[in-house]
N, C-alpha and C. Protein backbone atom coordinates (compact mmCIF):
# COMPACT_ATOMS: atom_id res chain seq x y z
N MET A 1 111.58 131.05 147.25
CA MET A 1 111.90 130.53 145.95
C MET A 1 113.30 129.94 146.01
N SER A 2 113.46 128.76 145.39
CA SER A 2 114.78 128.12 145.41
C SER A 2 115.75 128.91 144.54
N GLN A 3 117.02 128.58 144.71
CA GLN A 3 118.05 129.30 143.96
C GLN A 3 117.92 129.05 142.46
N LYS A 4 117.59 127.80 142.10
CA LYS A 4 117.43 127.48 140.68
C LYS A 4 116.20 128.20 140.12
N GLY A 5 115.09 128.21 140.88
CA GLY A 5 113.88 128.90 140.44
C GLY A 5 114.11 130.39 140.30
N GLY A 6 114.90 130.97 141.21
CA GLY A 6 115.20 132.39 141.12
C GLY A 6 116.03 132.72 139.89
N ALA A 7 116.95 131.83 139.53
CA ALA A 7 117.78 132.04 138.34
C ALA A 7 116.92 131.97 137.08
N ILE A 8 116.01 131.04 137.03
CA ILE A 8 115.12 130.92 135.87
C ILE A 8 114.23 132.15 135.76
N PHE A 9 113.71 132.61 136.91
CA PHE A 9 112.86 133.80 136.91
C PHE A 9 113.65 135.01 136.42
N ARG A 10 114.90 135.12 136.86
CA ARG A 10 115.74 136.24 136.45
C ARG A 10 116.00 136.21 134.94
N VAL A 11 116.27 135.02 134.40
CA VAL A 11 116.49 134.88 132.95
C VAL A 11 115.21 135.26 132.21
N PHE A 12 114.07 134.84 132.72
CA PHE A 12 112.80 135.16 132.07
C PHE A 12 112.55 136.66 132.08
N THR A 13 112.76 137.30 133.22
CA THR A 13 112.53 138.75 133.28
C THR A 13 113.52 139.49 132.39
N ASP A 14 114.76 139.01 132.30
CA ASP A 14 115.73 139.63 131.39
C ASP A 14 115.27 139.48 129.94
N LEU A 15 114.72 138.32 129.60
CA LEU A 15 114.22 138.10 128.24
C LEU A 15 113.03 139.02 127.94
N VAL A 16 112.14 139.17 128.91
CA VAL A 16 110.99 140.06 128.73
C VAL A 16 111.46 141.49 128.54
N ASP A 17 112.41 141.94 129.37
CA ASP A 17 112.93 143.30 129.24
C ASP A 17 113.61 143.51 127.89
N PHE A 18 114.39 142.53 127.45
CA PHE A 18 115.08 142.63 126.17
C PHE A 18 114.06 142.72 125.02
N THR A 19 113.06 141.85 125.05
CA THR A 19 112.04 141.85 123.99
C THR A 19 111.25 143.14 124.01
N ASN A 20 110.92 143.63 125.19
CA ASN A 20 110.15 144.87 125.31
C ASN A 20 110.94 146.06 124.78
N SER A 21 112.26 146.07 125.02
CA SER A 21 113.07 147.19 124.54
C SER A 21 113.21 147.18 123.02
N ARG A 22 113.10 146.02 122.39
CA ARG A 22 113.25 145.91 120.93
C ARG A 22 111.90 145.90 120.20
N LEU A 23 110.81 146.07 120.92
CA LEU A 23 109.48 145.99 120.32
C LEU A 23 109.25 147.07 119.29
N SER A 24 109.92 148.19 119.42
CA SER A 24 109.73 149.27 118.46
C SER A 24 110.35 148.92 117.10
N TYR A 25 111.33 148.01 117.07
CA TYR A 25 111.95 147.62 115.81
C TYR A 25 111.01 146.75 114.97
N VAL A 26 110.36 145.80 115.62
CA VAL A 26 109.42 144.91 114.94
C VAL A 26 108.07 145.10 115.62
N PRO A 27 107.12 145.70 114.92
CA PRO A 27 105.82 145.97 115.54
C PRO A 27 105.11 144.68 115.96
N LEU A 28 104.40 144.76 117.04
CA LEU A 28 103.65 143.63 117.56
C LEU A 28 102.58 143.19 116.56
N ASP A 29 101.99 144.13 115.84
CA ASP A 29 100.98 143.79 114.83
C ASP A 29 101.56 142.88 113.76
N LEU A 30 102.79 143.15 113.36
CA LEU A 30 103.43 142.33 112.33
C LEU A 30 103.67 140.91 112.85
N MET A 31 104.17 140.79 114.07
CA MET A 31 104.41 139.46 114.64
C MET A 31 103.09 138.71 114.81
N LEU A 32 102.06 139.40 115.27
CA LEU A 32 100.76 138.77 115.43
C LEU A 32 100.19 138.35 114.08
N GLY A 33 100.41 139.17 113.07
CA GLY A 33 99.96 138.83 111.72
C GLY A 33 100.61 137.56 111.20
N PHE A 34 101.93 137.42 111.42
CA PHE A 34 102.61 136.20 111.00
C PHE A 34 102.07 134.98 111.76
N PHE A 35 101.80 135.16 113.03
CA PHE A 35 101.27 134.06 113.83
C PHE A 35 99.90 133.63 113.32
N VAL A 36 99.01 134.59 113.11
CA VAL A 36 97.66 134.28 112.63
C VAL A 36 97.73 133.65 111.24
N ALA A 37 98.61 134.15 110.38
CA ALA A 37 98.75 133.57 109.05
C ALA A 37 99.21 132.11 109.14
N GLY A 38 100.11 131.83 110.06
CA GLY A 38 100.56 130.45 110.24
C GLY A 38 99.46 129.54 110.74
N VAL A 39 98.67 130.03 111.69
CA VAL A 39 97.56 129.23 112.22
C VAL A 39 96.53 128.96 111.12
N LEU A 40 96.19 129.99 110.35
CA LEU A 40 95.21 129.81 109.28
C LEU A 40 95.73 128.89 108.18
N LYS A 41 97.02 128.99 107.88
CA LYS A 41 97.61 128.11 106.87
C LYS A 41 97.50 126.66 107.32
N ARG A 42 97.79 126.41 108.58
CA ARG A 42 97.69 125.04 109.12
C ARG A 42 96.24 124.55 109.08
N PHE A 43 95.29 125.40 109.48
CA PHE A 43 93.88 125.03 109.45
C PHE A 43 93.44 124.71 108.02
N TRP A 44 93.82 125.55 107.07
CA TRP A 44 93.42 125.35 105.68
C TRP A 44 94.01 124.06 105.12
N TYR A 45 95.25 123.76 105.50
CA TYR A 45 95.88 122.51 105.08
C TYR A 45 95.10 121.31 105.61
N LEU A 46 94.77 121.33 106.90
CA LEU A 46 94.02 120.23 107.50
C LEU A 46 92.63 120.10 106.88
N PHE A 47 92.00 121.24 106.61
CA PHE A 47 90.68 121.22 106.00
C PHE A 47 90.73 120.60 104.61
N ASN A 48 91.77 120.87 103.87
CA ASN A 48 91.87 120.36 102.50
C ASN A 48 92.20 118.88 102.43
N ILE A 49 92.80 118.31 103.48
CA ILE A 49 93.13 116.89 103.41
C ILE A 49 92.05 115.99 104.00
N ILE A 50 91.00 116.59 104.55
CA ILE A 50 89.89 115.77 105.03
C ILE A 50 89.24 115.10 103.83
N GLY A 51 88.98 113.82 103.95
CA GLY A 51 88.34 113.11 102.85
C GLY A 51 86.85 113.41 102.82
N PHE A 52 86.42 114.05 101.77
CA PHE A 52 85.00 114.34 101.63
C PHE A 52 84.34 113.22 100.83
N MET A 53 83.26 112.70 101.33
CA MET A 53 82.58 111.59 100.70
C MET A 53 81.92 111.98 99.38
N ASP A 54 81.64 113.25 99.19
CA ASP A 54 81.00 113.68 97.94
C ASP A 54 81.84 113.29 96.74
N ASN A 55 83.14 113.55 96.82
CA ASN A 55 84.03 113.24 95.69
C ASN A 55 84.06 111.75 95.40
N ILE A 56 84.16 110.95 96.45
CA ILE A 56 84.21 109.49 96.28
C ILE A 56 82.90 108.99 95.69
N ALA A 57 81.79 109.48 96.22
CA ALA A 57 80.48 109.04 95.73
C ALA A 57 80.26 109.45 94.28
N LEU A 58 80.64 110.66 93.93
CA LEU A 58 80.46 111.12 92.55
C LEU A 58 81.34 110.32 91.59
N MET A 59 82.58 110.08 91.96
CA MET A 59 83.47 109.30 91.09
C MET A 59 82.99 107.86 90.95
N THR A 60 82.49 107.30 92.03
CA THR A 60 81.97 105.93 91.97
C THR A 60 80.74 105.87 91.07
N ALA A 61 79.85 106.83 91.21
CA ALA A 61 78.65 106.87 90.36
C ALA A 61 79.02 107.07 88.89
N LEU A 62 80.07 107.81 88.64
CA LEU A 62 80.48 108.11 87.27
C LEU A 62 81.18 106.92 86.61
N TYR A 63 82.05 106.24 87.34
CA TYR A 63 82.91 105.24 86.72
C TYR A 63 82.41 103.80 86.84
N VAL A 64 81.59 103.50 87.84
CA VAL A 64 81.02 102.15 87.93
C VAL A 64 79.68 102.21 87.22
N ARG A 65 79.67 101.76 85.98
CA ARG A 65 78.50 101.96 85.13
C ARG A 65 77.62 100.72 85.11
N GLY A 66 76.39 100.96 84.77
CA GLY A 66 75.45 99.86 84.61
C GLY A 66 74.16 100.15 85.35
N THR A 67 73.08 99.63 84.80
CA THR A 67 71.77 99.83 85.43
C THR A 67 71.29 98.57 86.14
N GLN A 68 72.03 97.48 86.00
CA GLN A 68 71.62 96.24 86.64
C GLN A 68 71.86 96.31 88.16
N GLU A 69 71.23 95.41 88.86
CA GLU A 69 71.30 95.37 90.32
C GLU A 69 72.74 95.18 90.81
N ARG A 70 73.51 94.38 90.11
CA ARG A 70 74.89 94.12 90.53
C ARG A 70 75.72 95.41 90.52
N ALA A 71 75.57 96.23 89.51
CA ALA A 71 76.30 97.50 89.43
C ALA A 71 75.87 98.43 90.56
N ARG A 72 74.58 98.46 90.84
CA ARG A 72 74.09 99.30 91.94
C ARG A 72 74.67 98.84 93.28
N GLN A 73 74.75 97.53 93.48
CA GLN A 73 75.34 97.01 94.72
C GLN A 73 76.82 97.37 94.84
N TYR A 74 77.54 97.28 93.74
CA TYR A 74 78.94 97.68 93.76
C TYR A 74 79.08 99.14 94.16
N ARG A 75 78.31 100.00 93.52
CA ARG A 75 78.40 101.44 93.83
C ARG A 75 78.07 101.70 95.29
N ARG A 76 76.98 101.11 95.75
CA ARG A 76 76.55 101.33 97.13
C ARG A 76 77.58 100.83 98.13
N ASN A 77 78.13 99.64 97.90
CA ASN A 77 79.07 99.07 98.86
C ASN A 77 80.42 99.78 98.85
N ILE A 78 80.88 100.22 97.69
CA ILE A 78 82.14 100.97 97.64
C ILE A 78 82.02 102.24 98.46
N VAL A 79 80.93 102.97 98.28
CA VAL A 79 80.74 104.21 99.03
C VAL A 79 80.53 103.91 100.52
N ARG A 80 79.80 102.84 100.82
CA ARG A 80 79.56 102.48 102.22
C ARG A 80 80.86 102.11 102.92
N TYR A 81 81.73 101.39 102.25
CA TYR A 81 83.02 101.02 102.86
C TYR A 81 83.87 102.26 103.12
N CYS A 82 83.87 103.18 102.19
CA CYS A 82 84.63 104.42 102.40
C CYS A 82 84.04 105.23 103.55
N GLN A 83 82.71 105.25 103.62
CA GLN A 83 82.04 105.94 104.72
C GLN A 83 82.35 105.26 106.05
N LEU A 84 82.41 103.94 106.04
CA LEU A 84 82.76 103.19 107.25
C LEU A 84 84.16 103.56 107.74
N THR A 85 85.10 103.69 106.83
CA THR A 85 86.45 104.11 107.21
C THR A 85 86.41 105.48 107.85
N GLN A 86 85.64 106.38 107.27
CA GLN A 86 85.55 107.73 107.82
C GLN A 86 84.92 107.70 109.22
N VAL A 87 83.91 106.89 109.42
CA VAL A 87 83.29 106.78 110.75
C VAL A 87 84.29 106.22 111.76
N LEU A 88 85.06 105.21 111.36
CA LEU A 88 86.04 104.62 112.28
C LEU A 88 87.11 105.63 112.68
N VAL A 89 87.55 106.45 111.73
CA VAL A 89 88.55 107.47 112.03
C VAL A 89 87.94 108.55 112.92
N PHE A 90 86.75 109.02 112.56
CA PHE A 90 86.13 110.10 113.34
C PHE A 90 85.75 109.65 114.74
N ARG A 91 85.52 108.36 114.96
CA ARG A 91 85.26 107.88 116.32
C ARG A 91 86.44 108.16 117.23
N ASP A 92 87.65 108.14 116.67
CA ASP A 92 88.84 108.40 117.48
C ASP A 92 89.20 109.88 117.54
N LEU A 93 88.61 110.69 116.67
CA LEU A 93 88.93 112.12 116.64
C LEU A 93 87.88 112.99 117.30
N SER A 94 86.64 112.59 117.25
CA SER A 94 85.54 113.44 117.69
C SER A 94 84.77 112.79 118.83
N MET A 95 84.58 113.54 119.89
CA MET A 95 83.80 113.02 121.02
C MET A 95 82.33 112.85 120.64
N GLN A 96 81.80 113.73 119.80
CA GLN A 96 80.41 113.59 119.37
C GLN A 96 80.22 112.29 118.59
N CYS A 97 81.16 112.00 117.73
CA CYS A 97 81.08 110.76 116.95
C CYS A 97 81.26 109.55 117.86
N ARG A 98 82.14 109.65 118.85
CA ARG A 98 82.34 108.55 119.79
C ARG A 98 81.09 108.31 120.62
N LYS A 99 80.40 109.39 121.00
CA LYS A 99 79.14 109.23 121.75
C LYS A 99 78.07 108.60 120.88
N ARG A 100 78.04 108.96 119.60
CA ARG A 100 77.05 108.40 118.68
C ARG A 100 77.34 106.94 118.37
N PHE A 101 78.62 106.59 118.23
CA PHE A 101 79.04 105.23 117.91
C PHE A 101 80.06 104.75 118.93
N PRO A 102 79.64 104.40 120.15
CA PRO A 102 80.61 103.99 121.17
C PRO A 102 81.27 102.64 120.89
N THR A 103 80.57 101.75 120.19
CA THR A 103 81.13 100.43 119.89
C THR A 103 80.94 100.11 118.41
N LEU A 104 81.59 99.05 117.98
CA LEU A 104 81.38 98.61 116.60
C LEU A 104 79.97 98.08 116.38
N ASP A 105 79.34 97.61 117.45
CA ASP A 105 77.95 97.16 117.32
C ASP A 105 77.04 98.30 116.93
N THR A 106 77.27 99.48 117.49
CA THR A 106 76.44 100.64 117.12
C THR A 106 76.74 101.10 115.70
N VAL A 107 77.98 100.94 115.27
CA VAL A 107 78.32 101.27 113.88
C VAL A 107 77.60 100.31 112.94
N ALA A 108 77.58 99.03 113.30
CA ALA A 108 76.89 98.04 112.48
C ALA A 108 75.38 98.26 112.51
N ALA A 109 74.84 98.61 113.67
CA ALA A 109 73.40 98.85 113.77
C ALA A 109 72.97 100.06 112.95
N ALA A 110 73.87 101.02 112.76
CA ALA A 110 73.55 102.20 111.96
C ALA A 110 73.60 101.91 110.47
N GLY A 111 74.07 100.73 110.07
CA GLY A 111 74.08 100.35 108.67
C GLY A 111 75.39 100.58 107.95
N PHE A 112 76.41 101.00 108.65
CA PHE A 112 77.70 101.20 108.01
C PHE A 112 78.43 99.88 107.77
N MET A 113 78.04 98.86 108.55
CA MET A 113 78.73 97.58 108.49
C MET A 113 77.69 96.47 108.62
N MET A 114 77.77 95.47 107.78
CA MET A 114 76.88 94.32 107.86
C MET A 114 77.40 93.36 108.95
N PRO A 115 76.51 92.52 109.50
CA PRO A 115 76.96 91.60 110.56
C PRO A 115 78.14 90.71 110.14
N HIS A 116 78.12 90.18 108.91
CA HIS A 116 79.23 89.32 108.49
C HIS A 116 80.52 90.14 108.31
N GLU A 117 80.39 91.41 107.95
CA GLU A 117 81.57 92.26 107.84
C GLU A 117 82.15 92.57 109.21
N LYS A 118 81.26 92.73 110.19
CA LYS A 118 81.73 92.98 111.56
C LYS A 118 82.49 91.76 112.08
N GLU A 119 81.98 90.57 111.79
CA GLU A 119 82.69 89.35 112.19
C GLU A 119 84.06 89.28 111.52
N ASN A 120 84.10 89.61 110.26
CA ASN A 120 85.38 89.63 109.53
C ASN A 120 86.32 90.67 110.12
N PHE A 121 85.78 91.84 110.42
CA PHE A 121 86.57 92.93 111.01
C PHE A 121 87.13 92.51 112.37
N ASP A 122 86.28 91.92 113.20
CA ASP A 122 86.71 91.50 114.53
C ASP A 122 87.67 90.32 114.47
N GLY A 123 87.55 89.50 113.43
CA GLY A 123 88.39 88.31 113.31
C GLY A 123 89.83 88.60 112.94
N ILE A 124 90.09 89.77 112.42
CA ILE A 124 91.45 90.12 112.03
C ILE A 124 92.18 90.70 113.24
N GLN A 125 93.24 90.03 113.65
CA GLN A 125 94.02 90.48 114.79
C GLN A 125 95.15 91.37 114.29
N TYR A 126 95.16 92.60 114.78
CA TYR A 126 96.15 93.58 114.35
C TYR A 126 96.45 94.47 115.53
N ASN A 127 97.71 94.83 115.73
CA ASN A 127 98.11 95.60 116.90
C ASN A 127 97.68 97.06 116.84
N TYR A 128 97.35 97.54 115.66
CA TYR A 128 97.02 98.95 115.48
C TYR A 128 95.57 99.08 115.00
N ASN A 129 95.14 100.31 114.80
CA ASN A 129 93.79 100.53 114.30
C ASN A 129 93.63 99.92 112.91
N LYS A 130 92.43 99.46 112.64
CA LYS A 130 92.17 98.78 111.37
C LYS A 130 91.38 99.67 110.42
N TYR A 131 91.78 100.94 110.35
CA TYR A 131 91.08 101.88 109.46
C TYR A 131 91.17 101.45 108.00
N PHE A 132 92.25 100.81 107.64
CA PHE A 132 92.52 100.46 106.24
C PHE A 132 91.63 99.34 105.73
N LEU A 133 91.06 98.55 106.62
CA LEU A 133 90.35 97.35 106.22
C LEU A 133 89.15 97.62 105.31
N PRO A 134 88.26 98.55 105.65
CA PRO A 134 87.15 98.83 104.72
C PRO A 134 87.63 99.38 103.38
N PHE A 135 88.73 100.12 103.38
CA PHE A 135 89.29 100.57 102.09
C PHE A 135 89.75 99.37 101.26
N ASN A 136 90.34 98.38 101.91
CA ASN A 136 90.74 97.17 101.18
C ASN A 136 89.53 96.47 100.59
N TRP A 137 88.44 96.43 101.34
CA TRP A 137 87.21 95.83 100.82
C TRP A 137 86.70 96.62 99.61
N ALA A 138 86.76 97.94 99.71
CA ALA A 138 86.31 98.78 98.59
C ALA A 138 87.19 98.56 97.37
N TRP A 139 88.51 98.49 97.57
CA TRP A 139 89.42 98.26 96.44
C TRP A 139 89.16 96.90 95.81
N ALA A 140 88.87 95.89 96.63
CA ALA A 140 88.56 94.57 96.08
C ALA A 140 87.31 94.64 95.21
N LEU A 141 86.31 95.39 95.65
CA LEU A 141 85.11 95.55 94.83
C LEU A 141 85.40 96.30 93.54
N ILE A 142 86.25 97.31 93.62
CA ILE A 142 86.61 98.08 92.42
C ILE A 142 87.28 97.16 91.40
N TYR A 143 88.21 96.34 91.83
CA TYR A 143 88.90 95.45 90.90
C TYR A 143 87.97 94.36 90.38
N ARG A 144 87.06 93.88 91.20
CA ARG A 144 86.09 92.89 90.75
C ARG A 144 85.14 93.51 89.72
N ALA A 145 84.73 94.76 89.97
CA ALA A 145 83.86 95.45 89.01
C ALA A 145 84.58 95.64 87.68
N ARG A 146 85.88 95.89 87.72
CA ARG A 146 86.65 96.03 86.48
C ARG A 146 86.68 94.71 85.72
N LYS A 147 86.88 93.61 86.43
CA LYS A 147 86.90 92.30 85.78
C LYS A 147 85.56 91.96 85.16
N GLU A 148 84.48 92.40 85.80
CA GLU A 148 83.14 92.12 85.27
C GLU A 148 82.73 93.10 84.18
N GLY A 149 83.57 94.10 83.91
CA GLY A 149 83.28 95.03 82.84
C GLY A 149 82.42 96.21 83.24
N LEU A 150 82.19 96.39 84.53
CA LEU A 150 81.38 97.53 85.00
C LEU A 150 82.19 98.82 85.03
N ILE A 151 83.50 98.70 85.06
CA ILE A 151 84.39 99.86 84.96
C ILE A 151 85.12 99.70 83.63
N GLU A 152 85.07 100.73 82.81
CA GLU A 152 85.50 100.60 81.42
C GLU A 152 87.01 100.55 81.21
N SER A 153 87.80 101.19 82.04
CA SER A 153 89.24 101.21 81.78
C SER A 153 90.03 101.15 83.08
N ASP A 154 91.29 100.80 82.93
CA ASP A 154 92.18 100.75 84.09
C ASP A 154 92.43 102.15 84.65
N TYR A 155 92.34 103.14 83.79
CA TYR A 155 92.50 104.52 84.25
C TYR A 155 91.40 104.86 85.26
N TYR A 156 90.17 104.44 85.00
CA TYR A 156 89.07 104.69 85.93
C TYR A 156 89.30 103.96 87.25
N VAL A 157 89.88 102.77 87.17
CA VAL A 157 90.22 102.03 88.40
C VAL A 157 91.23 102.82 89.22
N THR A 158 92.22 103.39 88.55
CA THR A 158 93.23 104.19 89.24
C THR A 158 92.59 105.41 89.90
N ILE A 159 91.71 106.08 89.18
CA ILE A 159 91.03 107.26 89.73
C ILE A 159 90.22 106.87 90.96
N LEU A 160 89.48 105.77 90.89
CA LEU A 160 88.67 105.33 92.03
C LEU A 160 89.53 104.89 93.20
N SER A 161 90.70 104.34 92.92
CA SER A 161 91.56 103.84 93.99
C SER A 161 92.28 104.96 94.73
N GLU A 162 92.35 106.13 94.12
CA GLU A 162 93.04 107.23 94.79
C GLU A 162 92.10 107.87 95.76
């Protein structure tokens, strides 16, 4: 072992001995409890910030009103665009999702994206991921639906945009 490696090993063993001698002051169960609480807090935080499509779909169904075909198309496309964003993000986070959707062609073939939307998506040159693009399309539909009177108030537009 080199001289530097021996010094590091000596410092480590001194730290272990020091911690071991003070273990009776702070029980290991207490330290482990704080660690587990921290891990669970982080997991719960991440779980709560995941965008669930149920909320978006319910709010869209509630606030984009009308029984005509145009209103139905607005509702369907707003939810589809939000779902498309979620698929694009999950493709980069999950190997299962990446295997299911290896390319944008497979995403389009699954019905998350229309062929003309894929051309539009591919036509935009951007140095970073384009996760925001389907959300922009959804927001454009929300504002167009408001102008057409399918959304009753600006407050509902704000709720849908969040």
